Protein backbone atom coordinates (compact mmCIF):
# COMPACT_ATOMS: atom_id res chain seq x y z
CA UNK A 1 179.73 66.12 49.40
CA UNK A 2 182.63 65.24 51.31
CA UNK A 3 180.84 66.14 54.59
CA UNK A 4 177.76 64.03 53.42
CA UNK A 5 179.95 60.83 52.79
CA UNK A 6 182.25 61.37 55.95
CA UNK A 7 178.83 61.69 57.94
CA UNK A 8 177.26 58.65 56.52
CA UNK A 9 180.45 56.85 57.22
CA UNK A 10 180.26 57.66 60.57
CA UNK A 11 176.83 57.00 61.28
CA UNK A 12 177.57 53.27 59.17
CA UNK A 13 180.38 52.73 61.94
CA UNK A 14 178.31 54.34 65.08
CA UNK A 15 175.39 51.79 63.95
CA UNK A 16 177.92 49.02 63.90
CA UNK A 17 179.50 49.50 66.96
CA UNK A 18 176.07 49.89 69.26
CA UNK A 19 174.95 46.56 67.59
CA UNK A 20 178.20 45.11 68.71
CA UNK A 21 177.77 46.88 71.90
CA UNK A 22 174.07 45.31 72.46
CA UNK A 23 175.42 41.93 71.14
CA UNK A 24 177.72 41.64 73.52
CA UNK A 25 175.51 42.85 76.37
CA UNK A 26 173.05 40.23 75.52
CA UNK A 27 176.02 37.71 75.59
CA UNK A 28 177.52 38.66 78.97
CA UNK A 29 174.63 39.03 80.76
CA UNK A 30 173.14 35.22 78.92
CA UNK A 31 175.94 34.01 80.10
CA UNK A 32 176.04 35.26 83.81
CA UNK A 33 172.22 33.87 83.36
CA UNK A 34 173.13 30.54 82.66
CA UNK A 35 176.45 30.20 84.83
CA UNK A 36 174.01 31.15 87.74
CA UNK A 37 170.98 29.15 87.02
CA UNK A 38 172.75 25.94 86.16
CA UNK A 39 172.53 24.08 89.21
CA UNK A 40 168.58 25.15 89.78
CA UNK A 41 167.87 23.84 86.35
CA UNK A 42 169.87 20.80 86.71
CA UNK A 43 167.92 19.90 89.85
CA UNK A 44 164.39 21.36 88.59
CA UNK A 45 164.62 24.36 91.11
CA UNK A 46 162.40 26.52 88.66
CA UNK A 47 161.49 28.96 91.19
CA UNK A 48 165.30 29.46 91.88
CA UNK A 49 165.92 29.77 88.03
CA UNK A 50 163.21 32.47 88.00
CA UNK A 51 164.22 34.52 90.82
CA UNK A 52 167.86 34.07 88.96
CA UNK A 53 166.32 35.60 85.72
CA UNK A 54 164.11 38.64 87.66
CA UNK A 55 167.26 39.78 89.85
CA UNK A 56 169.92 39.46 86.75
CA UNK A 57 167.59 41.23 84.42
CA UNK A 58 166.52 43.74 86.70
CA UNK A 59 170.43 44.72 87.81
CA UNK A 60 171.20 44.91 84.33
CA UNK A 61 168.46 46.92 82.66
CA UNK A 62 169.33 49.84 85.39
CA UNK A 63 172.74 50.52 83.79
CA UNK A 64 172.37 49.55 79.85
CA UNK A 65 171.55 53.31 78.42
CA UNK A 66 170.98 51.88 75.05
CA UNK A 67 170.03 48.11 75.60
CA UNK A 68 166.42 47.82 77.17
CA UNK A 69 165.53 44.37 77.54
CA UNK A 70 162.18 43.35 75.93
CA UNK A 71 162.02 39.67 77.11
CA UNK A 72 164.13 37.14 78.60
CA UNK A 73 163.40 33.23 79.65
CA UNK A 74 164.78 30.02 80.24
CA UNK A 75 163.76 27.20 78.21
CA UNK A 76 164.20 23.56 78.27
CA UNK A 77 165.84 21.37 75.24
CA UNK A 78 162.17 20.53 74.06
CA UNK A 79 161.39 24.58 74.08
CA UNK A 80 159.21 24.39 77.41
CA UNK A 81 159.02 27.29 79.36
CA UNK A 82 161.76 27.06 82.63
CA UNK A 83 161.43 30.80 83.77
CA UNK A 84 159.89 33.86 81.90
CA UNK A 85 159.74 37.42 82.57
CA UNK A 86 156.34 37.32 81.69
CA UNK A 87 154.69 34.12 83.27
CA UNK A 88 151.16 35.07 82.67
CA UNK A 89 151.37 34.73 78.92
CA UNK A 90 154.05 31.98 79.19
CA UNK A 91 153.17 29.64 82.09
CA UNK A 92 155.52 27.33 83.60
CA UNK A 93 155.94 23.57 82.23
CA UNK A 94 154.33 24.79 78.66
CA UNK A 95 156.13 24.92 75.39
CA UNK A 96 156.80 28.77 74.56
CA UNK A 97 153.76 30.17 72.20
CA UNK A 98 154.73 30.61 68.52
CA UNK A 99 152.87 33.77 68.08
CA UNK A 100 153.77 34.20 64.31
CA UNK A 101 155.95 32.16 61.66
CA UNK A 102 158.88 34.37 62.50
CA UNK A 103 158.80 33.76 66.17
CA UNK A 104 158.40 30.10 65.45
CA UNK A 105 161.47 30.12 63.10
CA UNK A 106 163.53 31.57 65.67
CA UNK A 107 162.68 28.97 68.26
CA UNK A 108 163.57 26.60 66.26
CA UNK A 109 167.10 28.14 65.40
CA UNK A 110 167.43 28.84 69.28
CA UNK A 111 166.72 24.77 70.28
CA UNK A 112 169.28 23.81 67.49
CA UNK A 113 172.37 26.51 68.56
CA UNK A 114 174.67 24.11 70.80
CA UNK A 115 176.92 27.42 71.24
CA UNK A 116 176.50 30.63 72.71
CA UNK A 117 175.16 32.82 69.33
CA UNK A 118 173.35 35.73 68.30
CA UNK A 119 170.62 36.20 66.30
CA UNK A 120 169.43 39.07 64.66
CA UNK A 121 165.64 39.30 64.51
CA UNK A 122 165.19 42.00 61.96
CA UNK A 123 162.04 43.35 64.13
CA UNK A 124 163.57 45.97 66.20
CA UNK A 125 165.71 43.45 68.50
CA UNK A 126 168.73 41.26 68.83
CA UNK A 127 168.68 38.00 70.98
CA UNK A 128 171.43 36.05 72.67
CA UNK A 129 171.17 32.38 73.03
CA UNK A 130 173.32 30.62 75.50
CA UNK A 131 173.16 26.83 76.43
CA UNK A 132 173.22 25.83 79.91
CA UNK A 133 175.54 23.20 80.08
CA UNK A 134 176.65 20.21 82.91
CA UNK A 135 179.13 18.99 81.45
CA UNK A 136 178.57 17.45 78.38
CA UNK A 137 174.72 17.76 78.54
CA UNK A 138 172.44 20.81 78.04
CA UNK A 139 169.51 21.28 80.26
CA UNK A 140 168.17 24.41 78.48
CA UNK A 141 169.04 27.56 77.07
CA UNK A 142 168.89 30.90 78.27
CA UNK A 143 167.21 33.49 75.68
CA UNK A 144 167.97 37.59 76.25
CA UNK A 145 166.31 39.79 74.03
CA UNK A 146 167.27 43.53 73.72
CA UNK A 147 165.44 46.29 71.88
CA UNK A 148 167.22 48.31 68.82
CA UNK A 149 164.66 51.02 68.76
CA UNK A 150 167.29 53.04 70.27
CA UNK A 151 169.69 52.57 67.85
CA UNK A 152 167.18 53.65 65.07
CA UNK A 153 165.98 56.53 66.78
CA UNK A 154 169.86 57.69 67.46
CA UNK A 155 170.45 56.91 63.40
CA UNK A 156 167.48 58.69 62.27
CA UNK A 157 168.55 61.92 64.29
CA UNK A 158 172.35 61.83 63.11
CA UNK A 159 171.22 61.51 59.89
CA UNK A 160 168.48 64.27 60.01
CA UNK A 161 171.25 66.07 61.48
CA UNK A 162 173.81 65.66 58.52
CA UNK A 163 171.84 66.45 55.64
CA UNK A 164 170.60 69.67 57.90
CA UNK A 165 174.53 70.41 58.30
CA UNK A 166 175.13 69.87 54.60
CA UNK A 167 172.67 72.14 53.50
CA UNK A 168 173.94 74.91 55.83
CA UNK A 169 177.63 73.92 54.63
CA UNK A 170 176.71 74.72 50.91
CA UNK A 171 174.79 78.18 51.68
CA UNK A 172 177.47 78.82 53.77
CA UNK A 173 180.25 78.29 51.63
CA UNK A 174 178.32 79.82 48.61
CA UNK A 175 177.94 83.07 50.46
CA UNK A 176 181.31 83.29 51.88
CA UNK A 177 183.60 81.54 48.77
CA UNK A 178 184.97 84.55 47.75
CA UNK A 179 185.87 85.89 51.18
CA UNK A 180 187.62 82.41 51.91
CA UNK A 181 189.38 82.21 48.79
CA UNK A 182 190.53 86.26 49.08
CA UNK A 183 191.98 84.98 52.60
CA UNK A 184 193.80 82.14 50.98
CA UNK A 185 194.96 84.24 48.10
CA UNK A 186 196.68 86.77 49.84
CA UNK A 187 199.33 85.01 51.66
CA UNK A 188 200.42 83.93 47.77
CA UNK A 189 200.23 87.89 46.85
CA UNK A 190 202.54 88.71 50.39
CA UNK A 191 204.93 85.94 49.71
CA UNK A 192 205.38 87.08 45.52
CA UNK A 193 205.85 90.28 46.70
CA UNK A 194 208.80 89.35 49.40
CA UNK A 195 210.13 87.08 46.69
CA UNK A 196 210.62 90.24 44.79
CA UNK A 197 212.21 91.94 47.81
CA UNK A 198 214.45 89.18 48.28
CA UNK A 199 215.26 89.37 44.95
CA UNK A 200 216.25 93.01 45.03
CA UNK A 201 218.53 92.02 47.96
CA UNK A 202 216.07 93.20 50.27
CA UNK A 203 214.48 91.58 53.42
CA UNK A 204 211.15 90.54 52.92
CA UNK A 205 208.21 88.38 55.47
CA UNK A 206 205.19 86.08 54.32
CA UNK A 207 202.29 86.52 56.43
CA UNK A 208 201.32 83.21 57.62
CA UNK A 209 197.96 81.60 56.80
CA UNK A 210 195.56 81.62 59.99
CA UNK A 211 194.55 78.00 61.41
CA UNK A 212 191.24 76.78 61.40
CA UNK A 213 189.92 74.55 64.06
CA UNK A 214 186.83 71.93 63.44
CA UNK A 215 184.46 70.18 65.60
CA UNK A 216 186.09 67.18 64.88
CA UNK A 217 188.16 66.39 68.17
CA UNK A 218 185.18 67.05 70.07
CA UNK A 219 183.54 64.36 68.33
CA UNK A 220 186.46 62.65 69.00
CA UNK A 221 186.49 63.41 72.60
CA UNK A 222 182.74 62.22 72.86
CA UNK A 223 183.49 58.90 71.19
CA UNK A 224 186.29 58.53 73.53
CA UNK A 225 184.17 59.06 76.53
CA UNK A 226 181.24 56.78 75.57
CA UNK A 227 183.55 54.26 74.76
CA UNK A 228 185.00 54.63 78.51
CA UNK A 229 181.71 54.40 79.99
CA UNK A 230 181.25 51.21 77.90
CA UNK A 231 184.41 49.72 79.00
CA UNK A 232 183.14 50.29 82.74
CA UNK A 233 180.09 49.12 82.25
CA UNK A 234 181.50 45.78 80.99
CA UNK A 235 183.95 45.54 83.59
CA UNK A 236 180.98 45.62 86.17
CA UNK A 237 179.26 42.69 84.44
CA UNK A 238 182.58 40.92 84.08
CA UNK A 239 182.94 41.45 87.72
CA UNK A 240 179.42 39.91 88.56
CA UNK A 241 179.79 37.23 86.52
CA UNK A 242 183.10 36.34 88.13
CA UNK A 243 181.06 36.78 91.49
CA UNK A 244 178.23 34.74 90.46
CA UNK A 245 180.90 31.51 88.82
CA UNK A 246 182.54 31.78 92.39
CA UNK A 247 178.64 31.66 93.68
CA UNK A 248 178.17 28.59 91.42
CA UNK A 249 181.47 26.89 92.62
CA UNK A 250 180.76 27.43 96.48
CA UNK A 251 177.15 26.19 95.90
CA UNK A 252 178.48 23.02 94.54
CA UNK A 253 180.75 22.42 97.22
CA UNK A 254 177.93 22.93 99.79
CA UNK A 255 175.35 20.99 97.98
CA UNK A 256 177.69 18.34 97.51
CA UNK A 257 178.58 18.13 101.27
CA UNK A 258 174.66 18.10 102.00
CA UNK A 259 174.06 15.93 99.78
CA UNK A 260 177.32 13.30 100.93
CA UNK A 261 176.00 13.83 104.81
CA UNK A 262 172.16 13.37 104.27
CA UNK A 263 172.14 10.10 102.74
CA UNK A 264 173.37 8.45 105.65
CA UNK A 265 171.71 10.70 107.75
CA UNK A 266 168.81 9.76 106.51
CA UNK A 267 169.44 5.65 107.00
CA UNK A 268 170.52 5.93 110.56
CA UNK A 269 167.07 8.05 111.52
CA UNK A 270 165.16 5.64 110.12
CA UNK A 271 167.30 3.11 111.78
CA UNK A 272 166.97 4.83 115.05
CA UNK A 273 163.49 5.24 114.68
CA UNK A 274 162.66 1.09 113.93
CA UNK A 275 165.19 0.43 117.00
CA UNK A 276 163.10 2.89 119.05
CA UNK A 277 159.79 1.08 117.69
CA UNK A 278 161.29 -2.00 119.06
CA UNK A 279 163.38 -1.87 121.59
CA UNK A 280 163.08 -5.42 123.36
CA UNK A 281 163.83 -6.74 119.67
CA UNK A 282 167.57 -7.49 119.85
CA UNK A 283 167.41 -9.11 116.11
CA UNK A 284 166.45 -5.30 115.05
CA UNK A 285 169.45 -3.95 116.96
CA UNK A 286 172.00 -6.60 115.40
CA UNK A 287 170.88 -5.66 112.10
CA UNK A 288 170.67 -1.84 112.43
CA UNK A 289 173.71 -1.33 114.49
CA UNK A 290 176.24 -2.05 111.81
CA UNK A 291 174.08 0.14 109.45
CA UNK A 292 174.57 3.24 112.06
CA UNK A 293 178.00 2.56 112.31
CA UNK A 294 179.00 2.53 108.51
CA UNK A 295 177.03 5.69 108.16
CA UNK A 296 179.03 7.49 110.74
CA UNK A 297 182.43 6.17 109.49
CA UNK A 298 180.99 7.89 106.31
CA UNK A 299 180.17 11.31 107.70
CA UNK A 300 183.47 11.06 109.53
CA UNK A 301 185.56 9.94 106.30
CA UNK A 302 183.92 13.24 104.66
CA UNK A 303 184.80 15.30 107.57
CA UNK A 304 188.28 14.13 107.87
CA UNK A 305 189.09 14.96 104.46
CA UNK A 306 187.67 18.10 104.41
CA UNK A 307 189.73 19.03 107.83
CA UNK A 308 192.56 17.54 105.96
CA UNK A 309 192.64 20.09 103.05
CA UNK A 310 192.39 22.61 105.36
CA UNK A 311 194.97 21.95 107.47
CA UNK A 312 197.22 21.56 104.55
CA UNK A 313 196.42 24.17 103.02
CA UNK A 314 197.04 26.72 105.59
CA UNK A 315 200.04 24.81 105.91
CA UNK A 316 203.66 26.59 106.03
CA UNK A 317 206.22 24.37 106.86
CA UNK A 318 209.52 23.83 104.46
CA UNK A 319 211.82 20.95 104.60
CA UNK A 320 214.38 19.47 102.25
CA UNK A 321 213.26 16.96 99.16
CA UNK A 322 213.95 14.12 101.37
CA UNK A 323 210.68 14.64 103.55
CA UNK A 324 208.71 13.07 100.61
CA UNK A 325 210.27 9.87 101.83
CA UNK A 326 208.18 9.65 104.89
CA UNK A 327 204.93 9.00 102.08
CA UNK A 328 206.98 6.10 101.15
CA UNK A 329 206.62 3.56 104.23
CA UNK A 330 202.56 4.91 104.43
CA UNK A 331 202.10 3.57 100.63
CA UNK A 332 204.42 0.28 101.43
CA UNK A 333 202.06 -0.23 104.33
CA UNK A 334 198.77 0.56 102.73
CA UNK A 335 199.53 -2.05 99.76
CA UNK A 336 200.46 -4.90 102.30
CA UNK A 337 200.00 -8.22 101.15
CA UNK A 338 198.89 -7.01 97.33
CA UNK A 339 200.61 -8.38 94.69
CA UNK A 340 201.38 -4.58 93.69
CA UNK A 341 204.93 -3.57 92.38
CA UNK A 342 206.11 -0.17 93.87
CA UNK A 343 208.93 1.78 92.36
CA UNK A 344 210.10 4.71 94.54
CA UNK A 345 212.81 7.19 92.64
CA UNK A 346 213.32 10.29 94.77
CA UNK A 347 216.07 12.26 93.08
CA UNK A 348 215.56 15.23 95.25
CA UNK A 349 218.12 16.53 97.75
CA UNK A 350 218.14 18.50 100.81
CA UNK A 351 219.16 21.45 99.06
CA UNK A 352 215.24 21.93 97.86
CA UNK A 353 213.09 23.99 99.96
CA UNK A 354 209.86 22.46 100.23
CA UNK A 355 206.55 23.13 101.59
CA UNK A 356 206.24 19.54 103.03
CA UNK A 357 202.95 19.38 104.35
CA UNK A 358 201.54 20.16 101.27
CA UNK A 359 204.12 18.33 99.16
CA UNK A 360 203.20 15.10 101.01
CA UNK A 361 199.73 15.69 101.46
CA UNK A 362 199.86 15.84 97.24
CA UNK A 363 202.00 12.79 96.92
CA UNK A 364 200.12 10.54 99.41
CA UNK A 365 196.80 11.40 97.32
CA UNK A 366 197.70 10.32 93.88
CA UNK A 367 199.91 7.47 95.02
CA UNK A 368 196.51 5.93 96.76
CA UNK A 369 194.54 7.29 93.83
CA UNK A 370 197.06 4.89 91.85
CA UNK A 371 196.60 1.76 94.28
CA UNK A 372 192.58 2.18 94.09
CA UNK A 373 192.98 1.96 90.42
CA UNK A 374 195.07 -1.30 90.45
CA UNK A 375 193.28 -2.76 92.84
CA UNK A 376 195.15 -6.30 93.93
CA UNK A 377 198.02 -6.27 91.24
CA UNK A 378 199.84 -4.20 88.90
CA UNK A 379 202.86 -1.57 88.91
CA UNK A 380 203.08 1.61 90.55
CA UNK A 381 205.61 4.19 90.24
CA UNK A 382 206.47 7.40 91.76
CA UNK A 383 209.11 9.96 90.57
CA UNK A 384 210.14 13.06 91.99
CA UNK A 385 212.93 15.24 90.54
CA UNK A 386 214.00 18.86 89.07
CA UNK A 387 213.17 20.61 86.34
CA UNK A 388 215.01 23.89 86.31
CA UNK A 389 214.15 25.41 89.02
CA UNK A 390 210.60 23.51 89.26
CA UNK A 391 209.97 20.14 90.93
CA UNK A 392 208.32 17.44 89.00
CA UNK A 393 206.14 15.10 90.80
CA UNK A 394 204.79 12.16 89.02
CA UNK A 395 202.83 8.97 90.06
CA UNK A 396 201.98 6.68 87.44
CA UNK A 397 199.85 3.13 87.22
CA UNK A 398 198.86 0.94 84.71
CA UNK A 399 195.41 0.44 86.01
CA UNK A 400 192.21 0.28 84.10
CA UNK A 401 192.59 3.96 82.94
CA UNK A 402 190.49 6.81 83.09
CA UNK A 403 187.38 7.22 80.42
CA UNK A 404 187.78 10.73 78.45
CA UNK A 405 184.53 11.78 79.29
CA UNK A 406 185.51 11.66 83.17
CA UNK A 407 188.85 13.50 82.53
CA UNK A 408 187.36 17.00 82.68
CA UNK A 409 185.66 16.29 85.98
CA UNK A 410 188.26 14.40 87.33
CA UNK A 411 189.61 17.15 90.01
CA UNK A 412 185.59 18.12 90.84
CA UNK A 413 184.61 17.97 94.58
CA UNK A 414 182.43 14.88 95.02
CA UNK A 415 183.12 13.10 91.66
CA UNK A 416 184.00 9.55 91.82
CA UNK A 417 183.50 6.45 90.40
CA UNK A 418 183.62 4.07 93.03
CA UNK A 419 180.90 3.04 95.27
CA UNK A 420 183.05 3.80 98.84
CA UNK A 421 184.79 6.60 97.36
CA UNK A 422 184.17 10.36 98.70
CA UNK A 423 185.47 12.17 95.85
CA UNK A 424 187.47 14.41 97.78
CA UNK A 425 191.24 13.34 97.39
CA UNK A 426 191.62 14.54 93.75
CA UNK A 427 189.85 17.61 94.39
CA UNK A 428 192.02 18.28 97.65
CA UNK A 429 195.34 17.75 95.34
CA UNK A 430 193.97 20.26 92.83
CA UNK A 431 193.63 22.40 95.75
CA UNK A 432 196.84 22.15 97.17
CA UNK A 433 198.71 22.49 93.82
CA UNK A 434 197.11 25.38 93.23
CA UNK A 435 197.78 27.15 96.25
CA UNK A 436 201.68 26.38 95.37
CA UNK A 437 201.04 28.03 92.16
CA UNK A 438 201.35 24.45 90.55
CA UNK A 439 200.14 23.21 87.64
CA UNK A 440 198.82 19.35 87.78
CA UNK A 441 198.20 17.43 84.29
CA UNK A 442 196.90 14.12 83.82
CA UNK A 443 197.48 11.57 80.68
CA UNK A 444 195.24 8.28 80.81
CA UNK A 445 194.20 5.78 78.41
CA UNK A 446 191.54 2.70 78.90
CA UNK A 447 193.40 -0.68 79.62
CA UNK A 448 196.68 1.03 79.84
CA UNK A 449 196.81 3.27 83.04
CA UNK A 450 197.25 6.57 84.04
CA UNK A 451 199.98 9.28 85.13
CA UNK A 452 199.60 12.10 87.21
CA UNK A 453 202.39 14.61 86.40
CA UNK A 454 202.56 18.08 89.09
CA UNK A 455 204.77 20.79 88.40
CA UNK A 456 205.50 23.18 91.44
CA UNK A 457 208.11 26.42 90.10
CA UNK A 458 209.77 29.02 91.67
CA UNK A 459 211.52 26.94 94.33
CA UNK A 460 213.43 29.05 96.43
CA UNK A 461 216.92 27.08 97.25
CA UNK A 462 218.59 28.13 100.39
CA UNK A 463 221.45 27.06 102.95
CA UNK A 464 220.20 24.11 105.17
CA UNK A 465 221.40 26.68 108.22
CA UNK A 466 218.13 28.80 107.00
CA UNK A 467 215.68 26.18 106.51
CA UNK A 468 212.43 26.72 108.66
CA UNK A 469 211.20 23.52 109.95
């Protein structure tokens, strides 16, 4: 009875562990597919989504010992197929077919989900559902269905093994009970004899009971080895997910650069084609040459901004806190005749060691952003001071403020709400702060203004003669 009870408990626990492992695999792989296919789904590049789905599921299927992939698909919010592992049965652009009422209920349940979830189908599979998000909007969902047949087979095999073992133990226990009892009682008789000997003043000894080793250690070692193997597989999936996220970020930047440069290029090429077709028309030249110049200036602005970021990110020049005062003159010149009140407060002395070029670029970008938010009138303030061994840099304005829905995308490359902006200033600022192991936070209210606060931790304090200028 004890063996049977323990065996059933182990089977139940092992089944729960295997189900949790399959759920985790479904979610990790679903998140990886969603992260990798996010840009392609947003731009309706269905072929790229299909390739991503095939590659990710093929790579996973080889290493998932007890999580065979039954099917995987990417659907739009209305249930139409964006990509499917079986495109012959589920063609692109059509609503996923509901083969029976149960499948229809699962489809409706998946489409209603707004967070990553797991669905137990109850028919030999576990399904992971991962929304494909871009900001607050959902472009579709990833449905990944893994088989649980292996779990049932393992459970059935273990149950048969335990029942057989229990029966054998009963037979062996009945046959060997008398022998085992006799061996257990012998030390008691020996101990009693020894006690009599001791009572008579004679030295007696008590035979020790032999220790027996069960196979539970082997089960424990086997469970540990399986756990180690599964942790290794999980780590590989996490590494693949991290690489996928990096590739997505790199793809966003590359796509942004291509988009921002391609737009003015297309316009300039049209202008040049028109001028080539009518070389004698001076009115066309007067009309199109300024447009070409404007496009070239736009491309130059983007390239210069990226070059500034690269130069500043690799800079390792250090100076005292007064190096920030150079920024004040540049900002005053940029304000010019506008009715902007500029308050400057730099309480950093020359005993503070700063990466001058990076810090100056950060302060300049934040203050320029404040000037753009103010327009032609308002209040702009800059503060730099020490908080313990960290430097705090603040730029504050009382402009129009930042809408709450834009705060999460504020530091994304090429995100801007101004028609003439490139969306690179705050992204460069974020990269520079991050390269100095610092943090940046934003507080903003509509019609009240914004406050940007940068914290640079662990600054070195050194004598003036040790500075590297």
